[in-house]
Amino acid sequence: MSKDIRIKKGLDIKLVGAAEKKTTNISLSSVYAVKPEDFHGITPKLVAKEGAEVKAGDTLFYSKSDERILFPSPVSGKVVEVIRGARRKVLAVKIAADAKQVHTDFGAKDALKMSAEEVKNHLLSSGCWPFVKQRPYDVVANPNQAPKAIFVSGYASAPLAADLDYTLAGKEAELQAAINAVSKLTEGKVHISVSVNSNSPLASLSGVETHKVSGPHPSGNVSTQIANIDPINKGEVVWVLTPEDLVVIGELLLTGKFNATRTIALTGSKFSNPQYVTAIAGATVADVTANNLENDNTRIISGNVLSGKQVSEDEFLGYYDNQITAIPEGDDYELFGWNKPVFNKVSTSRAFTFSWLTPKKKYDLNTNTNGEHRAFVVTGSYEDVFPLDIYPMQLLKACMYKDLDEMEALGAYEIAPEDFALTEFICVSKQPHQKIIREGLDLMREELG
């Protein structure tokens, strides 16, 4: 039975620079990169050495913990460089793309005629398994575990997030093919959440349970939806996929080709023309943002402003990202900024700031934290923007002093770092909440499995 999800706690950060609904097809980047750090918790074992010729879909590296989990090249071309860090850790594999792309043929498949084991083996051998992530721990799913349910969030509520109704338009066949496949991987249900006012192709899929979501961010976060639909208890596992990854899986099943092309939203006030572009995962940021970026004291983020990663123009689009944000760098100092009325900033507090008077106003915010790192101050404000039935302050502190029993008791199995992006945004102590949660989840995974 479908369930409407209405979130009251949260915060919508309205920024200028939303992407206009038009899509530009950009040319191929000369160089692409796949970074193992995009797949948190994976220790890579390299397959493609420098100088190797690869097709789109060929394996670049695999997971040391499970050799079946393969990570493919998004393009065909030549492996020109393997960047390594301390202890020869693989940081990135760079591929010089061919002018004409060649794909490995995995063969078209009809998932309705396949068994669960056949579907799983096909996703593993084709390099599509990294699109399946699991809770707890928010890592690439363990294929040896069976999930009690699978969740897909078709509603992006983060600031300036890509409009999924627009980017998924015309992809009904691919989405249905992917759902036919992944539904074989669980004895439970496949839950899809869409906006209450949505015209999403996800809402018309068969074999799923569709839920209507409304409310401020983080209503679009899959953790919020899991907590309201089928909460995770100790010992249980759920799997999570994004709609854009479902499209890749669906196209693989229909055509036999691994095609990591995405529709990327270029958002933020530092883009002269915020819009959508088509790009392949791992593309060079400079090529994706060419002739559009106002590169004057600009912070470029692969992802959204709350949970994305800062990148430079010569770096690469994140493997899972469908958004690049460019906003002003906040490296200025505002004299006595705390001691006068403020009208151009967002705050949940009514002390000195007046954003509550204009709830529909859009702001051109920069990256200035407006304060320095200090000890935690107990204000009770985190609960105002945190919709999960969890004590956020207590869980953060449990992660900091590494109390595994308390982390379990406080609900760490249910969360991912992105769920603490808003509490980090409003934190008067300027603590790195997402980093603290990530380290806590890593400790739990290492100690508790």
Protein backbone atom coordinates (compact mmCIF):
# COMPACT_ATOMS: atom_id res chain seq x y z
CA MET A 1 0.00 0.00 0.00
CA SER A 2 1.45 3.36 -1.01
CA LYS A 3 2.04 5.91 1.69
CA ASP A 4 2.10 9.69 1.42
CA ILE A 5 5.10 11.21 3.19
CA ARG A 6 4.69 14.72 4.57
CA ILE A 7 7.78 16.23 6.15
CA LYS A 8 7.48 19.28 8.38
CA LYS A 9 10.98 19.49 9.81
CA GLY A 10 13.68 20.66 7.42
CA LEU A 11 14.88 23.72 5.55
CA ASP A 12 14.62 24.75 1.91
CA ILE A 13 17.65 26.87 0.98
CA LYS A 14 16.50 28.87 -2.02
CA LEU A 15 19.45 29.96 -4.16
CA VAL A 16 19.70 31.89 -7.41
CA GLY A 17 20.97 29.99 -10.44
CA ALA A 18 18.43 27.20 -11.02
CA ALA A 19 19.04 25.36 -14.29
CA GLU A 20 16.85 26.42 -17.19
CA LYS A 21 14.99 23.51 -18.75
CA LYS A 22 17.00 23.23 -21.93
CA THR A 23 19.68 20.66 -22.67
CA THR A 24 22.90 21.17 -24.61
CA ASN A 25 24.81 18.21 -26.00
CA ILE A 26 28.49 18.86 -25.34
CA SER A 27 31.33 17.20 -27.21
CA LEU A 28 33.37 14.38 -25.73
CA SER A 29 36.02 15.32 -23.21
CA SER A 30 39.55 14.47 -24.25
CA VAL A 31 40.23 12.79 -20.89
CA TYR A 32 37.97 10.97 -18.41
CA ALA A 33 38.76 9.64 -14.97
CA VAL A 34 37.30 7.04 -12.63
CA LYS A 35 38.19 7.67 -8.98
CA PRO A 36 37.99 4.83 -6.43
CA GLU A 37 37.20 7.40 -3.72
CA ASP A 38 33.76 7.86 -5.33
CA PHE A 39 33.00 4.29 -4.20
CA HIS A 40 33.43 4.67 -0.47
CA GLY A 41 34.87 1.68 1.35
CA ILE A 42 36.24 0.01 -1.79
CA THR A 43 39.87 -1.06 -1.99
CA PRO A 44 40.65 -1.22 -5.74
CA LYS A 45 42.73 -3.87 -7.48
CA LEU A 46 43.87 -2.53 -10.85
CA VAL A 47 43.15 -4.49 -14.04
CA ALA A 48 43.82 -1.95 -16.81
CA LYS A 49 47.45 -0.84 -16.73
CA GLU A 50 48.85 2.34 -18.27
CA GLY A 51 48.83 2.07 -22.05
CA ALA A 52 45.97 -0.44 -22.18
CA GLU A 53 43.24 0.02 -24.79
CA VAL A 54 39.74 -0.26 -23.32
CA LYS A 55 36.18 -0.19 -24.60
CA ALA A 56 33.31 1.51 -22.77
CA GLY A 57 32.26 -1.10 -20.23
CA ASP A 58 35.65 -2.83 -19.91
CA THR A 59 36.89 -3.33 -16.35
CA LEU A 60 39.40 -0.80 -14.97
CA PHE A 61 39.62 -2.24 -11.45
CA TYR A 62 37.68 -4.48 -9.08
CA SER A 63 37.02 -4.60 -5.35
CA LYS A 64 39.66 -6.36 -3.30
CA SER A 65 37.00 -7.67 -0.90
CA ASP A 66 34.84 -9.16 -3.68
CA GLU A 67 36.36 -9.79 -7.12
CA ARG A 68 32.89 -9.91 -8.69
CA ILE A 69 32.34 -6.17 -8.13
CA LEU A 70 33.82 -4.56 -11.24
CA PHE A 71 34.30 -0.88 -12.03
CA PRO A 72 34.11 -0.18 -15.78
CA SER A 73 35.53 2.46 -18.06
CA PRO A 74 32.84 5.01 -19.00
CA VAL A 75 34.43 5.54 -22.43
CA SER A 76 36.57 3.72 -24.95
CA GLY A 77 40.15 4.85 -25.37
CA LYS A 78 43.61 4.45 -23.89
CA VAL A 79 44.53 4.38 -20.21
CA VAL A 80 47.03 7.23 -20.13
CA GLU A 81 47.72 7.55 -16.41
CA VAL A 82 47.13 5.82 -13.10
CA ILE A 83 47.42 8.41 -10.33
CA ARG A 84 48.64 6.97 -7.05
CA GLY A 85 48.94 8.37 -3.56
CA ALA A 86 50.56 7.20 -0.34
CA ARG A 87 51.42 3.49 -0.24
CA ARG A 88 50.67 3.36 -3.97
CA LYS A 89 46.95 3.79 -3.31
CA VAL A 90 45.06 4.22 -6.61
CA LEU A 91 43.51 7.70 -6.66
CA ALA A 92 42.32 7.88 -10.26
CA VAL A 93 42.50 6.07 -13.58
CA LYS A 94 42.62 8.46 -16.57
CA ILE A 95 41.42 7.44 -20.02
CA ALA A 96 42.06 9.41 -23.22
CA ALA A 97 38.76 9.02 -25.06
CA ASP A 98 38.48 7.85 -28.66
CA ALA A 99 36.82 10.20 -31.12
CA LYS A 100 34.39 7.42 -31.99
CA GLN A 101 33.17 5.44 -29.02
CA VAL A 102 33.19 1.64 -29.00
CA HIS A 103 31.18 -0.33 -26.43
CA THR A 104 31.62 -3.82 -25.09
CA ASP A 105 28.57 -5.87 -26.05
CA PHE A 106 27.07 -7.55 -23.00
CA GLY A 107 24.03 -8.71 -24.96
CA ALA A 108 20.44 -7.53 -24.65
CA LYS A 109 18.48 -9.26 -21.88
CA ASP A 110 14.84 -9.62 -20.90
CA ALA A 111 14.85 -9.41 -17.11
CA LEU A 112 11.37 -10.89 -16.88
CA LYS A 113 12.79 -14.17 -18.21
CA MET A 114 15.83 -14.16 -15.92
CA SER A 115 16.21 -15.57 -12.43
CA ALA A 116 17.38 -13.45 -9.52
CA GLU A 117 20.84 -15.05 -9.70
CA GLU A 118 21.09 -14.38 -13.44
CA VAL A 119 20.15 -10.72 -12.93
CA LYS A 120 22.72 -10.35 -10.16
CA ASN A 121 25.48 -11.99 -12.20
CA HIS A 122 24.66 -9.82 -15.22
CA LEU A 123 24.85 -6.60 -13.18
CA LEU A 124 28.12 -7.74 -11.63
CA SER A 125 29.80 -8.79 -14.89
CA SER A 126 28.71 -5.63 -16.74
CA GLY A 127 30.02 -3.23 -14.08
CA CYS A 128 26.59 -1.94 -13.06
CA TRP A 129 26.72 -3.31 -9.51
CA PRO A 130 28.37 -0.14 -8.05
CA PHE A 131 25.07 1.66 -8.76
CA VAL A 132 23.46 -0.48 -6.06
CA LYS A 133 24.19 0.97 -2.62
CA GLN A 134 23.12 -0.35 0.74
CA ARG A 135 21.96 0.87 4.10
CA PRO A 136 23.38 0.58 6.67
CA TYR A 137 26.74 2.30 6.04
CA ASP A 138 25.88 3.92 2.66
CA VAL A 139 28.39 1.87 0.65
CA VAL A 140 28.30 -0.30 -2.48
CA ALA A 141 25.94 -3.18 -1.72
CA ASN A 142 27.23 -6.56 -0.65
CA PRO A 143 25.91 -9.04 -3.27
CA ASN A 144 26.00 -11.85 -0.69
CA GLN A 145 23.25 -10.20 1.37
CA ALA A 146 19.55 -10.11 0.55
CA PRO A 147 17.78 -6.77 1.04
CA LYS A 148 14.39 -6.62 2.70
CA ALA A 149 13.40 -3.84 0.25
CA ILE A 150 14.79 -1.58 -2.48
CA PHE A 151 14.32 2.20 -2.48
CA VAL A 152 14.49 4.76 -5.29
CA SER A 153 14.05 8.46 -4.56
CA GLY A 154 12.63 10.25 -7.59
CA TYR A 155 12.37 13.55 -5.74
CA ALA A 156 15.45 15.75 -5.37
CA SER A 157 14.90 18.39 -2.69
CA ALA A 158 18.50 19.62 -2.24
CA PRO A 159 19.30 23.24 -3.18
CA LEU A 160 19.25 23.76 -6.99
CA ALA A 161 18.97 19.99 -7.51
CA ALA A 162 18.32 18.69 -11.02
CA ASP A 163 14.62 18.40 -11.90
CA LEU A 164 14.26 14.63 -12.25
CA ASP A 165 10.91 14.96 -13.98
CA TYR A 166 12.75 16.80 -16.76
CA THR A 167 15.93 14.72 -16.93
CA LEU A 168 14.06 11.39 -16.95
CA ALA A 169 11.50 12.40 -19.59
CA GLY A 170 11.40 9.85 -22.41
CA LYS A 171 13.26 7.21 -20.38
CA GLU A 172 10.22 5.12 -19.48
CA ALA A 173 11.41 2.00 -21.32
CA GLU A 174 14.84 2.03 -19.67
CA LEU A 175 13.36 2.66 -16.22
CA GLN A 176 10.84 -0.17 -16.55
CA ALA A 177 13.51 -2.59 -17.79
CA ALA A 178 15.70 -1.72 -14.80
CA ILE A 179 12.81 -2.13 -12.35
CA ASN A 180 11.99 -5.51 -13.85
CA ALA A 181 15.57 -6.54 -13.10
CA VAL A 182 16.19 -5.10 -9.63
CA SER A 183 12.79 -6.28 -8.35
CA LYS A 184 14.13 -9.84 -8.80
CA LEU A 185 16.85 -9.10 -6.23
CA THR A 186 14.51 -8.77 -3.23
CA GLU A 187 11.62 -10.72 -1.81
CA GLY A 188 10.30 -7.42 -0.51
CA LYS A 189 8.99 -4.41 -2.38
CA VAL A 190 10.58 -1.82 -4.62
CA HIS A 191 9.59 1.57 -3.23
CA ILE A 192 9.68 4.65 -5.47
CA SER A 193 9.07 8.15 -4.08
CA VAL A 194 8.05 11.09 -6.24
CA SER A 195 6.99 14.66 -5.51
CA VAL A 196 3.34 15.14 -4.63
CA ASN A 197 3.01 17.46 -7.65
CA SER A 198 5.20 15.33 -9.89
CA ASN A 199 4.71 14.40 -13.52
CA SER A 200 7.54 11.88 -13.29
CA PRO A 201 7.84 8.83 -15.56
CA LEU A 202 8.67 6.94 -12.37
CA ALA A 203 5.06 7.30 -11.22
CA SER A 204 3.79 5.16 -14.11
CA LEU A 205 6.10 2.17 -13.61
CA SER A 206 4.65 -1.25 -12.86
CA GLY A 207 5.89 -3.66 -10.23
CA VAL A 208 6.66 -0.94 -7.69
CA GLU A 209 5.00 0.80 -4.77
CA THR A 210 4.85 4.54 -5.40
CA HIS A 211 4.81 7.14 -2.63
CA LYS A 212 4.07 10.87 -2.80
CA VAL A 213 6.53 13.09 -0.93
CA SER A 214 6.07 16.69 0.20
CA GLY A 215 7.83 19.05 2.55
CA PRO A 216 11.16 20.87 2.84
CA HIS A 217 14.59 19.36 2.32
CA PRO A 218 15.63 16.65 3.30
CA SER A 219 12.29 15.15 2.22
CA GLY A 220 14.02 13.98 -0.97
CA ASN A 221 16.76 12.12 0.90
CA VAL A 222 16.23 8.39 0.70
CA SER A 223 16.92 7.99 4.45
CA THR A 224 13.90 10.16 5.21
CA GLN A 225 11.75 8.02 2.95
CA ILE A 226 13.05 4.73 4.37
CA ALA A 227 12.30 5.93 7.91
CA ASN A 228 8.70 6.70 6.96
CA ILE A 229 8.04 3.62 4.82
CA ASP A 230 10.02 0.66 6.17
CA PRO A 231 12.58 1.58 8.86
CA ILE A 232 15.81 -0.39 9.17
CA ASN A 233 16.34 -2.50 12.28
CA LYS A 234 19.56 -4.10 13.42
CA GLY A 235 20.54 -6.96 11.13
CA GLU A 236 18.41 -5.73 8.23
CA VAL A 237 19.67 -4.40 4.88
CA VAL A 238 17.97 -2.27 2.26
CA TRP A 239 19.36 -1.34 -1.15
CA VAL A 240 19.19 2.09 -2.72
CA LEU A 241 19.44 3.21 -6.36
CA THR A 242 19.09 6.61 -8.00
CA PRO A 243 16.80 7.11 -11.02
CA GLU A 244 19.67 8.15 -13.30
CA ASP A 245 21.51 4.92 -12.43
CA LEU A 246 18.36 2.95 -13.20
CA VAL A 247 18.49 4.46 -16.70
CA VAL A 248 22.04 3.13 -17.19
CA ILE A 249 20.97 -0.34 -16.01
CA GLY A 250 17.88 -0.24 -18.22
CA GLU A 251 19.86 0.73 -21.30
CA LEU A 252 22.32 -2.08 -20.60
CA LEU A 253 19.46 -4.59 -20.53
CA LEU A 254 17.80 -3.22 -23.68
CA THR A 255 20.91 -2.67 -25.84
CA GLY A 256 23.71 -4.67 -24.20
CA LYS A 257 25.83 -1.51 -23.89
CA PHE A 258 27.16 0.21 -20.76
CA ASN A 259 26.35 3.88 -21.39
CA ALA A 260 27.20 6.20 -18.49
CA THR A 261 25.84 9.31 -20.20
CA ARG A 262 23.98 11.61 -17.80
CA THR A 263 22.02 14.84 -17.97
CA ILE A 264 23.99 17.23 -15.77
CA ALA A 265 22.46 20.34 -14.19
CA LEU A 266 24.80 23.36 -14.24
CA THR A 267 23.53 25.47 -11.36
CA GLY A 268 24.54 28.46 -9.26
CA SER A 269 25.03 32.18 -9.64
CA LYS A 270 28.50 31.79 -11.18
CA PHE A 271 27.14 30.18 -14.33
CA SER A 272 26.27 32.78 -16.95
CA ASN A 273 23.65 30.41 -18.38
CA PRO A 274 22.47 27.79 -15.85
CA GLN A 275 21.13 24.87 -17.88
CA TYR A 276 21.35 21.13 -18.48
CA VAL A 277 24.07 19.42 -20.49
CA THR A 278 24.68 15.80 -21.44
CA ALA A 279 27.99 14.38 -20.24
CA ILE A 280 29.52 11.00 -19.49
CA ALA A 281 30.43 10.15 -15.90
CA GLY A 282 34.04 11.10 -15.16
CA ALA A 283 34.18 13.95 -17.70
CA THR A 284 36.62 16.84 -17.18
CA VAL A 285 34.87 19.68 -15.33
CA ALA A 286 36.36 22.29 -17.69
CA ASP A 287 34.74 20.57 -20.68
CA VAL A 288 31.33 20.29 -18.99
CA THR A 289 31.34 23.96 -17.95
CA ALA A 290 33.05 25.38 -21.07
CA ASN A 291 32.06 28.92 -22.12
CA ASN A 292 29.57 29.14 -19.28
CA LEU A 293 31.50 29.53 -16.05
CA GLU A 294 32.35 32.92 -14.56
CA ASN A 295 35.64 31.85 -13.06
CA ASP A 296 36.24 34.87 -10.86
CA ASN A 297 36.75 33.83 -7.23
CA THR A 298 34.44 30.86 -7.77
CA ARG A 299 33.88 27.64 -5.82
CA ILE A 300 33.05 24.73 -8.14
CA ILE A 301 31.22 21.81 -6.54
CA SER A 302 30.56 18.40 -8.07
CA GLY A 303 27.12 17.80 -6.59
CA ASN A 304 24.92 20.14 -4.55
CA VAL A 305 26.07 22.85 -2.15
CA LEU A 306 25.24 20.80 0.96
CA SER A 307 26.83 17.43 0.26
CA GLY A 308 28.88 17.87 -2.94
CA LYS A 309 32.67 17.89 -3.25
CA GLN A 310 34.81 20.90 -4.16
CA VAL A 311 36.64 20.40 -7.47
CA SER A 312 38.81 22.48 -9.78
CA GLU A 313 38.32 22.86 -13.53
CA ASP A 314 41.03 20.30 -14.29
CA GLU A 315 39.38 17.68 -12.08
CA PHE A 316 36.53 15.34 -12.98
CA LEU A 317 32.80 14.92 -12.54
CA GLY A 318 31.92 12.53 -9.71
CA TYR A 319 30.77 9.06 -10.78
CA TYR A 320 27.35 9.39 -9.14
CA ASP A 321 26.84 13.15 -9.62
CA ASN A 322 24.25 14.73 -11.89
CA GLN A 323 24.92 18.34 -10.89
CA ILE A 324 27.74 20.88 -10.92
CA THR A 325 27.27 23.97 -8.78
CA ALA A 326 29.28 27.19 -8.99
CA ILE A 327 28.89 29.84 -6.27
CA PRO A 328 31.04 32.74 -5.01
CA GLU A 329 34.04 31.83 -2.87
CA GLY A 330 33.48 33.19 0.64
CA ASP A 331 37.02 34.30 1.42
CA ASP A 332 36.11 37.82 2.49
CA TYR A 333 35.91 39.14 6.04
CA GLU A 334 32.84 41.05 7.14
CA LEU A 335 33.69 43.52 9.92
CA PHE A 336 31.20 43.33 12.80
CA GLY A 337 29.02 41.07 10.67
CA TRP A 338 27.51 39.59 13.83
CA ASN A 339 26.47 42.96 15.22
CA LYS A 340 24.06 44.34 12.63
CA PRO A 341 20.81 43.28 10.95
CA VAL A 342 21.36 40.80 8.11
CA PHE A 343 19.02 40.57 5.11
CA ASN A 344 21.11 38.64 2.56
CA LYS A 345 21.68 35.37 4.42
CA VAL A 346 19.60 32.34 5.36
CA SER A 347 19.22 31.37 9.00
CA THR A 348 16.86 29.33 11.15
CA SER A 349 17.42 31.83 13.95
CA ARG A 350 15.56 35.13 14.16
CA ALA A 351 18.46 36.83 15.92
CA PHE A 352 19.88 39.54 13.60
CA THR A 353 18.74 37.70 10.45
CA PHE A 354 15.44 38.36 8.69
CA SER A 355 15.21 35.57 6.10
CA TRP A 356 12.05 34.35 7.88
CA LEU A 357 10.27 37.50 6.70
CA THR A 358 10.77 36.59 3.01
CA PRO A 359 10.41 32.78 2.78
CA LYS A 360 10.27 32.80 -1.04
CA LYS A 361 13.30 35.01 -1.59
CA LYS A 362 16.28 33.49 -3.46
CA TYR A 363 19.76 34.21 -2.14
CA ASP A 364 23.20 34.46 -3.72
CA LEU A 365 25.11 32.82 -0.88
CA ASN A 366 28.87 32.27 -0.82
CA THR A 367 30.94 29.66 1.00
CA ASN A 368 31.80 31.79 4.03
CA THR A 369 31.01 29.89 7.23
CA ASN A 370 30.48 33.17 9.14
CA GLY A 371 32.37 31.87 12.15
CA GLU A 372 35.17 29.62 13.27
CA HIS A 373 35.34 26.02 14.46
CA ARG A 374 34.59 25.69 18.17
CA ALA A 375 33.28 23.19 20.71
CA PHE A 376 29.74 21.90 20.32
CA VAL A 377 27.13 24.31 21.65
CA VAL A 378 23.84 22.71 22.68
CA THR A 379 21.19 24.93 21.10
CA GLY A 380 18.41 22.46 20.23
CA SER A 381 18.34 23.84 16.69
CA TYR A 382 19.40 20.61 14.94
CA GLU A 383 16.05 18.98 15.71
CA ASP A 384 14.23 21.76 13.81
CA VAL A 385 15.75 20.66 10.49
CA PHE A 386 16.20 16.92 11.18
CA PRO A 387 13.06 14.89 10.39
CA LEU A 388 14.33 11.44 11.41
CA ASP A 389 13.31 10.03 14.79
CA ILE A 390 16.91 10.29 16.01
CA TYR A 391 18.76 12.58 18.41
CA PRO A 392 21.28 14.20 16.04
CA MET A 393 23.50 15.90 18.66
CA GLN A 394 23.82 12.74 20.73
CA LEU A 395 24.58 10.60 17.67
CA LEU A 396 27.25 13.02 16.48
CA LYS A 397 28.93 12.94 19.88
CA ALA A 398 28.73 9.14 20.04
CA CYS A 399 30.53 9.00 16.67
CA MET A 400 33.18 11.40 17.94
CA TYR A 401 34.02 9.36 21.04
CA LYS A 402 33.53 6.06 19.17
CA ASP A 403 30.92 4.45 21.40
CA LEU A 404 29.62 1.66 19.16
CA ASP A 405 26.83 0.57 21.51
CA GLU A 406 25.48 4.09 21.75
CA MET A 407 25.79 4.63 17.99
CA GLU A 408 23.68 1.50 17.46
CA ALA A 409 21.12 2.55 20.04
CA LEU A 410 20.82 6.04 18.58
CA GLY A 411 19.97 4.81 15.08
CA ALA A 412 23.24 4.95 13.12
CA TYR A 413 22.08 2.05 10.92
CA GLU A 414 19.45 4.31 9.37
CA ILE A 415 21.53 7.27 8.28
CA ALA A 416 24.02 8.46 5.68
CA PRO A 417 26.34 11.48 5.86
CA GLU A 418 24.06 13.55 3.57
CA ASP A 419 21.33 13.39 6.23
CA PHE A 420 23.47 15.65 8.42
CA ALA A 421 24.16 18.25 5.73
CA LEU A 422 21.47 20.61 7.04
CA THR A 423 22.55 20.30 10.66
CA GLU A 424 26.08 21.11 9.49
CA PHE A 425 24.75 24.14 7.57
CA ILE A 426 23.04 25.64 10.63
CA CYS A 427 25.69 24.55 13.17
CA VAL A 428 26.85 27.52 15.25
CA SER A 429 29.91 25.48 16.25
CA LYS A 430 30.97 24.95 12.59
CA GLN A 431 31.53 21.25 13.18
CA PRO A 432 32.00 18.97 10.11
CA HIS A 433 28.91 16.83 10.74
CA GLN A 434 29.07 14.78 7.53
CA LYS A 435 32.73 13.91 8.10
CA ILE A 436 31.97 12.87 11.70
CA ILE A 437 29.10 10.62 10.60
CA ARG A 438 31.16 9.10 7.77
CA GLU A 439 33.96 8.19 10.18
CA GLY A 440 31.43 6.76 12.64
CA LEU A 441 29.81 4.57 9.98
CA ASP A 442 33.22 3.37 8.81
CA LEU A 443 34.10 2.37 12.37
CA MET A 444 30.83 0.47 12.75
CA ARG A 445 31.36 -1.34 9.45
CA GLU A 446 34.90 -2.30 10.44
CA GLU A 447 34.02 -3.46 13.95
CA LEU A 448 30.51 -4.86 13.52
CA GLY A 449 30.51 -5.93 9.85
